[in-house]
PDB file of N, CA and C in Angstrom:
ATOM      1  N   UNK A   1       1.287  -1.287  -0.029  1.00  0.00           N
ATOM      2  CA  UNK A   1      -0.057   0.150   0.032  1.00  0.00           C
ATOM      3  C   UNK A   1       0.833   1.332   0.173  1.00  0.00           C
ATOM      4  N   UNK A   2       0.854   2.061  -1.215  1.00  0.00           N
ATOM      5  CA  UNK A   2       1.409   3.166  -1.087  1.00  0.00           C
ATOM      6  C   UNK A   2       1.066   4.155  -0.359  1.00  0.00           C
ATOM      7  N   UNK A   3       1.644   5.338   0.164  1.00  0.00           N
ATOM      8  CA  UNK A   3       1.062   6.635   0.771  1.00  0.00           C
ATOM      9  C   UNK A   3       0.563   7.525   0.002  1.00  0.00           C
ATOM     10  N   UNK A   4      -0.176   8.277   0.075  1.00  0.00           N
ATOM     11  CA  UNK A   4      -0.318   9.434  -0.852  1.00  0.00           C
ATOM     12  C   UNK A   4       0.607  10.471  -0.658  1.00  0.00           C
ATOM     13  N   UNK A   5       1.228  11.404  -1.744  1.00  0.00           N
ATOM     14  CA  UNK A   5       2.071  12.205  -1.317  1.00  0.00           C
ATOM     15  C   UNK A   5       1.485  13.618  -0.404  1.00  0.00           C
ATOM     16  N   UNK A   6       2.398  14.075   0.603  1.00  0.00           N
ATOM     17  CA  UNK A   6       1.875  15.062   1.259  1.00  0.00           C
ATOM     18  C   UNK A   6       1.762  16.639   0.511  1.00  0.00           C
ATOM     19  N   UNK A   7       1.687  17.264   1.193  1.00  0.00           N
ATOM     20  CA  UNK A   7       1.456  18.796   0.500  1.00  0.00           C
ATOM     21  C   UNK A   7       2.555  19.236  -0.244  1.00  0.00           C
ATOM     22  N   UNK A   8       3.795  18.760   0.148  1.00  0.00           N
ATOM     23  CA  UNK A   8       4.970  18.932  -1.027  1.00  0.00           C
ATOM     24  C   UNK A   8       5.083  18.312  -2.074  1.00  0.00           C
ATOM     25  N   UNK A   9       4.500  17.206  -2.297  1.00  0.00           N
ATOM     26  CA  UNK A   9       4.363  16.307  -3.210  1.00  0.00           C
ATOM     27  C   UNK A   9       5.446  15.476  -3.051  1.00  0.00           C
ATOM     28  N   UNK A  10       5.977  15.031  -1.994  1.00  0.00           N
ATOM     29  CA  UNK A  10       7.090  13.880  -1.640  1.00  0.00           C
ATOM     30  C   UNK A  10       6.162  12.969  -0.330  1.00  0.00           C
ATOM     31  N   UNK A  11       6.826  11.904  -0.577  1.00  0.00           N
ATOM     32  CA  UNK A  11       6.466  10.881   0.383  1.00  0.00           C
ATOM     33  C   UNK A  11       7.320  10.854   1.661  1.00  0.00           C
ATOM     34  N   UNK A  12       6.910  10.345   2.504  1.00  0.00           N
ATOM     35  CA  UNK A  12       7.928  10.231   3.949  1.00  0.00           C
ATOM     36  C   UNK A  12       8.908   9.159   3.514  1.00  0.00           C
ATOM     37  N   UNK A  13      10.196   9.102   4.072  1.00  0.00           N
ATOM     38  CA  UNK A  13      11.245   8.611   3.775  1.00  0.00           C
ATOM     39  C   UNK A  13      10.946   7.075   4.250  1.00  0.00           C
ATOM     40  N   UNK A  14      10.240   6.675   5.172  1.00  0.00           N
ATOM     41  CA  UNK A  14      10.137   5.123   5.437  1.00  0.00           C
ATOM     42  C   UNK A  14       8.988   4.579   4.644  1.00  0.00           C
ATOM     43  N   UNK A  15       8.824   5.292   3.905  1.00  0.00           N
ATOM     44  CA  UNK A  15       7.605   4.606   3.065  1.00  0.00           C
ATOM     45  C   UNK A  15       7.955   4.097   1.453  1.00  0.00           C
ATOM     46  N   UNK A  16       9.555   4.502   1.444  1.00  0.00           N
ATOM     47  CA  UNK A  16       9.790   4.330   0.185  1.00  0.00           C
ATOM     48  C   UNK A  16      10.881   2.875   0.124  1.00  0.00           C
ATOM     49  N   UNK A  17      10.076   1.888  -0.761  1.00  0.00           N
ATOM     50  CA  UNK A  17      10.647   0.591  -0.714  1.00  0.00           C
ATOM     51  C   UNK A  17      12.151   0.678  -1.276  1.00  0.00           C
ATOM     52  N   UNK A  18      12.631   1.698  -2.120  1.00  0.00           N
ATOM     53  CA  UNK A  18      13.943   1.618  -2.540  1.00  0.00           C
ATOM     54  C   UNK A  18      15.082   1.544  -1.307  1.00  0.00           C
ATOM     55  N   UNK A  19      14.577   2.624  -0.490  1.00  0.00           N
ATOM     56  CA  UNK A  19      15.458   2.949   0.989  1.00  0.00           C
ATOM     57  C   UNK A  19      15.361   1.761   1.928  1.00  0.00           C
ATOM     58  N   UNK A  20      14.475   0.538   1.895  1.00  0.00           N
ATOM     59  CA  UNK A  20      14.624  -0.454   2.747  1.00  0.00           C
ATOM     60  C   UNK A  20      15.479  -1.367   1.972  1.00  0.00           C
ATOM     61  N   UNK A  21      15.461  -1.472   0.630  1.00  0.00           N
ATOM     62  CA  UNK A  21      16.622  -2.175  -0.165  1.00  0.00           C
ATOM     63  C   UNK A  21      17.795  -1.749   0.064  1.00  0.00           C
ATOM     64  N   UNK A  22      18.059  -0.469   0.287  1.00  0.00           N
ATOM     65  CA  UNK A  22      19.304  -0.003   0.383  1.00  0.00           C
ATOM     66  C   UNK A  22      19.899  -0.380   1.679  1.00  0.00           C
ATOM     67  N   UNK A  23      19.165   0.417   2.690  1.00  0.00           N
ATOM     68  CA  UNK A  23      19.447   0.075   4.076  1.00  0.00           C
ATOM     69  C   UNK A  23      19.162  -1.374   4.520  1.00  0.00           C
ATOM     70  N   UNK A  24      18.553  -2.235   4.300  1.00  0.00           N
ATOM     71  CA  UNK A  24      18.241  -3.397   4.695  1.00  0.00           C
ATOM     72  C   UNK A  24      19.500  -4.543   4.475  1.00  0.00           C
ATOM     73  N   UNK A  25      19.996  -4.304   3.598  1.00  0.00           N
ATOM     74  CA  UNK A  25      21.070  -5.431   3.113  1.00  0.00           C
ATOM     75  C   UNK A  25      22.018  -5.087   4.268  1.00  0.00           C
ATOM     76  N   UNK A  26      22.989  -3.997   4.167  1.00  0.00           N
ATOM     77  CA  UNK A  26      24.043  -3.759   5.371  1.00  0.00           C
ATOM     78  C   UNK A  26      23.286  -3.951   6.978  1.00  0.00           C
ATOM     79  N   UNK A  27      21.993  -3.559   7.112  1.00  0.00           N
ATOM     80  CA  UNK A  27      21.619  -3.636   8.484  1.00  0.00           C
ATOM     81  C   UNK A  27      21.648  -5.165   8.806  1.00  0.00           C
ATOM     82  N   UNK A  28      20.901  -5.929   8.108  1.00  0.00           N
ATOM     83  CA  UNK A  28      20.925  -7.544   7.935  1.00  0.00           C
ATOM     84  C   UNK A  28      22.606  -8.028   8.447  1.00  0.00           C
ATOM     85  N   UNK A  29      23.441  -7.542   7.497  1.00  0.00           N
ATOM     86  CA  UNK A  29      24.905  -8.244   7.775  1.00  0.00           C
ATOM     87  C   UNK A  29      25.482  -7.606   9.331  1.00  0.00           C
ATOM     88  N   UNK A  30      25.140  -6.381   9.787  1.00  0.00           N
ATOM     89  CA  UNK A  30      25.410  -5.913  10.962  1.00  0.00           C
ATOM     90  C   UNK A  30      24.718  -6.765  12.049  1.00  0.00           C
ATOM     91  N   UNK A  31      23.540  -7.007  11.840  1.00  0.00           N
ATOM     92  CA  UNK A  31      23.098  -7.954  12.869  1.00  0.00           C
ATOM     93  C   UNK A  31      23.528  -9.272  12.709  1.00  0.00           C
ATOM     94  N   UNK A  32      23.905 -10.007  11.569  1.00  0.00           N
ATOM     95  CA  UNK A  32      24.240 -11.380  11.622  1.00  0.00           C
ATOM     96  C   UNK A  32      25.714 -11.318  12.006  1.00  0.00           C
ATOM     97  N   UNK A  33      26.534 -10.369  12.140  1.00  0.00           N
ATOM     98  CA  UNK A  33      27.812 -10.077  12.789  1.00  0.00           C
ATOM     99  C   UNK A  33      27.656 -10.261  14.276  1.00  0.00           C
ATOM    100  N   UNK A  34      26.755  -9.756  14.848  1.00  0.00           N
ATOM    101  CA  UNK A  34      26.673  -9.393  16.144  1.00  0.00           C
ATOM    102  C   UNK A  34      26.170 -11.048  16.635  1.00  0.00           C
ATOM    103  N   UNK A  35      25.345 -11.542  15.942  1.00  0.00           N
ATOM    104  CA  UNK A  35      24.937 -12.974  16.134  1.00  0.00           C
ATOM    105  C   UNK A  35      26.551 -13.592  16.363  1.00  0.00           C
ATOM    106  N   UNK A  36      26.935 -13.851  14.942  1.00  0.00           N
ATOM    107  CA  UNK A  36      28.199 -14.664  15.045  1.00  0.00           C
ATOM    108  C   UNK A  36      29.289 -14.219  16.166  1.00  0.00           C
ATOM    109  N   UNK A  37      29.262 -12.966  16.622  1.00  0.00           N
ATOM    110  CA  UNK A  37      30.154 -12.671  17.931  1.00  0.00           C
ATOM    111  C   UNK A  37      29.562 -13.313  19.121  1.00  0.00           C
ATOM    112  N   UNK A  38      28.219 -13.196  19.295  1.00  0.00           N
ATOM    113  CA  UNK A  38      27.669 -13.904  20.386  1.00  0.00           C
ATOM    114  C   UNK A  38      27.961 -15.404  20.379  1.00  0.00           C
ATOM    115  N   UNK A  39      27.715 -16.057  19.218  1.00  0.00           N
ATOM    116  CA  UNK A  39      28.098 -17.715  19.510  1.00  0.00           C
ATOM    117  C   UNK A  39      29.517 -17.588  19.758  1.00  0.00           C
ATOM    118  N   UNK A  40      30.455 -17.230  19.102  1.00  0.00           N
ATOM    119  CA  UNK A  40      31.813 -17.177  19.295  1.00  0.00           C
ATOM    120  C   UNK A  40      32.204 -17.162  20.555  1.00  0.00           C
ATOM    121  N   UNK A  41      31.787 -16.049  21.475  1.00  0.00           N
ATOM    122  CA  UNK A  41      31.889 -15.919  23.134  1.00  0.00           C
ATOM    123  C   UNK A  41      31.299 -16.743  23.481  1.00  0.00           C
ATOM    124  N   UNK A  42      30.035 -17.427  23.418  1.00  0.00           N
ATOM    125  CA  UNK A  42      29.498 -18.309  24.207  1.00  0.00           C
ATOM    126  C   UNK A  42      30.206 -19.470  23.932  1.00  0.00           C
ATOM    127  N   UNK A  43      30.368 -19.955  22.900  1.00  0.00           N
ATOM    128  CA  UNK A  43      30.884 -21.488  22.663  1.00  0.00           C
ATOM    129  C   UNK A  43      32.233 -21.175  21.735  1.00  0.00           C
ATOM    130  N   UNK A  44      33.288 -21.093  22.564  1.00  0.00           N
ATOM    131  CA  UNK A  44      34.689 -20.740  22.243  1.00  0.00           C
ATOM    132  C   UNK A  44      35.251 -22.273  21.863  1.00  0.00           C
ATOM    133  N   UNK A  45      36.182 -22.303  20.675  1.00  0.00           N
ATOM    134  CA  UNK A  45      37.049 -23.548  20.530  1.00  0.00           C
ATOM    135  C   UNK A  45      37.800 -23.875  21.719  1.00  0.00           C
ATOM    136  N   UNK A  46      38.020 -25.004  22.016  1.00  0.00           N
ATOM    137  CA  UNK A  46      38.900 -25.386  23.025  1.00  0.00           C
ATOM    138  C   UNK A  46      40.377 -25.434  22.349  1.00  0.00           C
ATOM    139  N   UNK A  47      41.084 -25.049  23.529  1.00  0.00           N
ATOM    140  CA  UNK A  47      42.956 -24.907  23.181  1.00  0.00           C
ATOM    141  C   UNK A  47      43.361 -26.379  23.196  1.00  0.00           C
ATOM    142  N   UNK A  48      44.053 -26.701  22.239  1.00  0.00           N
ATOM    143  CA  UNK A  48      44.702 -28.117  22.243  1.00  0.00           C
ATOM    144  C   UNK A  48      46.245 -28.113  22.915  1.00  0.00           C
ATOM    145  N   UNK A  49      46.064 -28.957  23.852  1.00  0.00           N
ATOM    146  CA  UNK A  49      47.512 -28.880  24.520  1.00  0.00           C
ATOM    147  C   UNK A  49      48.254 -29.935  23.819  1.00  0.00           C
ATOM    148  N   UNK A  50      49.396 -29.465  22.868  1.00  0.00           N
ATOM    149  CA  UNK A  50      50.298 -30.548  22.564  1.00  0.00           C
ATOM    150  C   UNK A  50      51.395 -30.561  22.874  1.00  0.00           C
ATOM    151  N   UNK A  51      51.846 -29.913  23.890  1.00  0.00           N
ATOM    152  CA  UNK A  51      53.130 -29.914  24.808  1.00  0.00           C
ATOM    153  C   UNK A  51      52.785 -30.954  25.763  1.00  0.00           C
ATOM    154  N   UNK A  52      51.758 -31.236  26.374  1.00  0.00           N
ATOM    155  CA  UNK A  52      51.898 -32.406  27.216  1.00  0.00           C
ATOM    156  C   UNK A  52      51.894 -33.800  26.668  1.00  0.00           C
ATOM    157  N   UNK A  53      51.750 -33.858  25.410  1.00  0.00           N
ATOM    158  CA  UNK A  53      51.609 -35.199  24.508  1.00  0.00           C
ATOM    159  C   UNK A  53      53.011 -35.598  24.335  1.00  0.00           C
ATOM    160  N   UNK A  54      53.432 -37.029  24.541  1.00  0.00           N
ATOM    161  CA  UNK A  54      54.471 -37.519  24.095  1.00  0.00           C
ATOM    162  C   UNK A  54      54.229 -38.515  23.125  1.00  0.00           C
ATOM    163  N   UNK A  55      55.025 -37.978  21.886  1.00  0.00           N
ATOM    164  CA  UNK A  55      54.656 -38.722  20.488  1.00  0.00           C
ATOM    165  C   UNK A  55      56.039 -39.139  19.961  1.00  0.00           C
ATOM    166  N   UNK A  56      55.999 -40.505  19.648  1.00  0.00           N
ATOM    167  CA  UNK A  56      57.083 -41.293  19.335  1.00  0.00           C
ATOM    168  C   UNK A  56      57.291 -40.811  17.701  1.00  0.00           C
ATOM    169  N   UNK A  57      58.581 -41.015  17.178  1.00  0.00           N
ATOM    170  CA  UNK A  57      59.006 -40.617  15.866  1.00  0.00           C
ATOM    171  C   UNK A  57      58.522 -41.440  14.781  1.00  0.00           C
ATOM    172  N   UNK A  58      57.921 -42.379  15.142  1.00  0.00           N
ATOM    173  CA  UNK A  58      57.443 -43.368  13.991  1.00  0.00           C
ATOM    174  C   UNK A  58      55.629 -43.222  13.892  1.00  0.00           C
ATOM    175  N   UNK A  59      55.017 -42.756  15.048  1.00  0.00           N
ATOM    176  CA  UNK A  59      53.550 -42.396  15.081  1.00  0.00           C
ATOM    177  C   UNK A  59      52.951 -41.821  13.995  1.00  0.00           C
ATOM    178  N   UNK A  60      51.566 -41.964  13.304  1.00  0.00           N
ATOM    179  CA  UNK A  60      51.117 -41.209  12.519  1.00  0.00           C
ATOM    180  C   UNK A  60      50.733 -39.902  12.981  1.00  0.00           C
ATOM    181  N   UNK A  61      50.878 -39.605  14.413  1.00  0.00           N
ATOM    182  CA  UNK A  61      50.327 -38.246  14.788  1.00  0.00           C
ATOM    183  C   UNK A  61      51.568 -37.280  14.626  1.00  0.00           C
ATOM    184  N   UNK A  62      52.678 -37.779  14.591  1.00  0.00           N
ATOM    185  CA  UNK A  62      53.963 -36.871  14.035  1.00  0.00           C
ATOM    186  C   UNK A  62      53.599 -36.211  12.774  1.00  0.00           C
ATOM    187  N   UNK A  63      53.387 -37.057  11.822  1.00  0.00           N
ATOM    188  CA  UNK A  63      53.428 -36.885  10.340  1.00  0.00           C
ATOM    189  C   UNK A  63      52.174 -35.703  10.198  1.00  0.00           C
ATOM    190  N   UNK A  64      51.280 -35.795  11.105  1.00  0.00           N
ATOM    191  CA  UNK A  64      50.033 -35.123  10.878  1.00  0.00           C
ATOM    192  C   UNK A  64      50.124 -33.869  11.378  1.00  0.00           C
ATOM    193  N   UNK A  65      51.287 -33.510  12.531  1.00  0.00           N
ATOM    194  CA  UNK A  65      51.609 -32.434  13.001  1.00  0.00           C
ATOM    195  C   UNK A  65      53.006 -31.888  12.017  1.00  0.00           C
ATOM    196  N   UNK A  66      53.253 -32.057  11.258  1.00  0.00           N
ATOM    197  CA  UNK A  66      54.463 -31.860  10.367  1.00  0.00           C
ATOM    198  C   UNK A  66      53.802 -30.456   9.654  1.00  0.00           C
ATOM    199  N   UNK A  67      54.607 -29.212   9.505  1.00  0.00           N
ATOM    200  CA  UNK A  67      54.255 -28.224   8.394  1.00  0.00           C
ATOM    201  C   UNK A  67      53.593 -28.426   7.380  1.00  0.00           C
ATOM    202  N   UNK A  68      53.001 -27.906   6.783  1.00  0.00           N
ATOM    203  CA  UNK A  68      52.162 -27.896   5.317  1.00  0.00           C
ATOM    204  C   UNK A  68      52.975 -28.432   4.147  1.00  0.00           C
ATOM    205  N   UNK A  69      54.159 -27.107   4.350  1.00  0.00           N
ATOM    206  CA  UNK A  69      55.056 -27.193   3.231  1.00  0.00           C
ATOM    207  C   UNK A  69      55.740 -28.559   3.360  1.00  0.00           C
ATOM    208  N   UNK A  70      56.402 -29.226   4.565  1.00  0.00           N
ATOM    209  CA  UNK A  70      57.340 -30.132   4.651  1.00  0.00           C
ATOM    210  C   UNK A  70      56.408 -31.601   4.298  1.00  0.00           C
ATOM    211  N   UNK A  71      55.168 -31.500   4.741  1.00  0.00           N
ATOM    212  CA  UNK A  71      54.067 -32.791   4.355  1.00  0.00           C
ATOM    213  C   UNK A  71      54.002 -32.618   3.084  1.00  0.00           C
ATOM    214  N   UNK A  72      53.881 -31.744   2.503  1.00  0.00           N
ATOM    215  CA  UNK A  72      53.518 -31.668   0.824  1.00  0.00           C
ATOM    216  C   UNK A  72      54.198 -31.996   0.235  1.00  0.00           C
ATOM    217  N   UNK A  73      55.801 -31.417   0.365  1.00  0.00           N
ATOM    218  CA  UNK A  73      56.840 -31.989  -0.465  1.00  0.00           C
ATOM    219  C   UNK A  73      57.321 -33.645  -0.012  1.00  0.00           C
ATOM    220  N   UNK A  74      57.041 -33.790   1.046  1.00  0.00           N
ATOM    221  CA  UNK A  74      57.267 -35.281   1.139  1.00  0.00           C
ATOM    222  C   UNK A  74      56.175 -36.106   0.371  1.00  0.00           C
ATOM    223  N   UNK A  75      55.269 -35.510   0.236  1.00  0.00           N
ATOM    224  CA  UNK A  75      54.095 -36.378  -0.407  1.00  0.00           C
ATOM    225  C   UNK A  75      54.362 -36.376  -1.588  1.00  0.00           C
ATOM    226  N   UNK A  76      54.924 -35.307  -2.269  1.00  0.00           N
ATOM    227  CA  UNK A  76      55.324 -35.261  -3.933  1.00  0.00           C
ATOM    228  C   UNK A  76      56.619 -36.305  -3.964  1.00  0.00           C
ATOM    229  N   UNK A  77      57.472 -36.259  -3.190  1.00  0.00           N
ATOM    230  CA  UNK A  77      58.625 -36.847  -3.769  1.00  0.00           C
ATOM    231  C   UNK A  77      58.379 -38.530  -3.128  1.00  0.00           C
ATOM    232  N   UNK A  78      57.432 -38.897  -2.668  1.00  0.00           N
ATOM    233  CA  UNK A  78      57.341 -40.496  -2.215  1.00  0.00           C
ATOM    234  C   UNK A  78      58.433 -40.793  -1.535  1.00  0.00           C
ATOM    235  N   UNK A  79      59.035 -40.291  -0.697  1.00  0.00           N
ATOM    236  CA  UNK A  79      60.343 -40.620   0.066  1.00  0.00           C
ATOM    237  C   UNK A  79      59.990 -40.729   1.487  1.00  0.00           C
ATOM    238  N   UNK A  80      60.751 -41.143   2.156  1.00  0.00           N
ATOM    239  CA  UNK A  80      60.722 -41.439   3.811  1.00  0.00           C
ATOM    240  C   UNK A  80      60.605 -39.749   4.222  1.00  0.00           C
TER     241      UNK A  80
END
């Protein structure tokens, strides 16, 4: 339902559909960012304690914890 123009021939700003299209998108992003922040603060990721673990040199965990570049190069060469 469109409002009829007032005495000056213009409509009120909140009755313009284009204004809600332009303002609604960024407003939705701001609201979503606060929801994301709230979820991140309420359910934080646990910190993994890797210093307390005793890992042998032959275990699969050692290979999984190698830096990505070394593991990638190792996979490309096929060597030990």
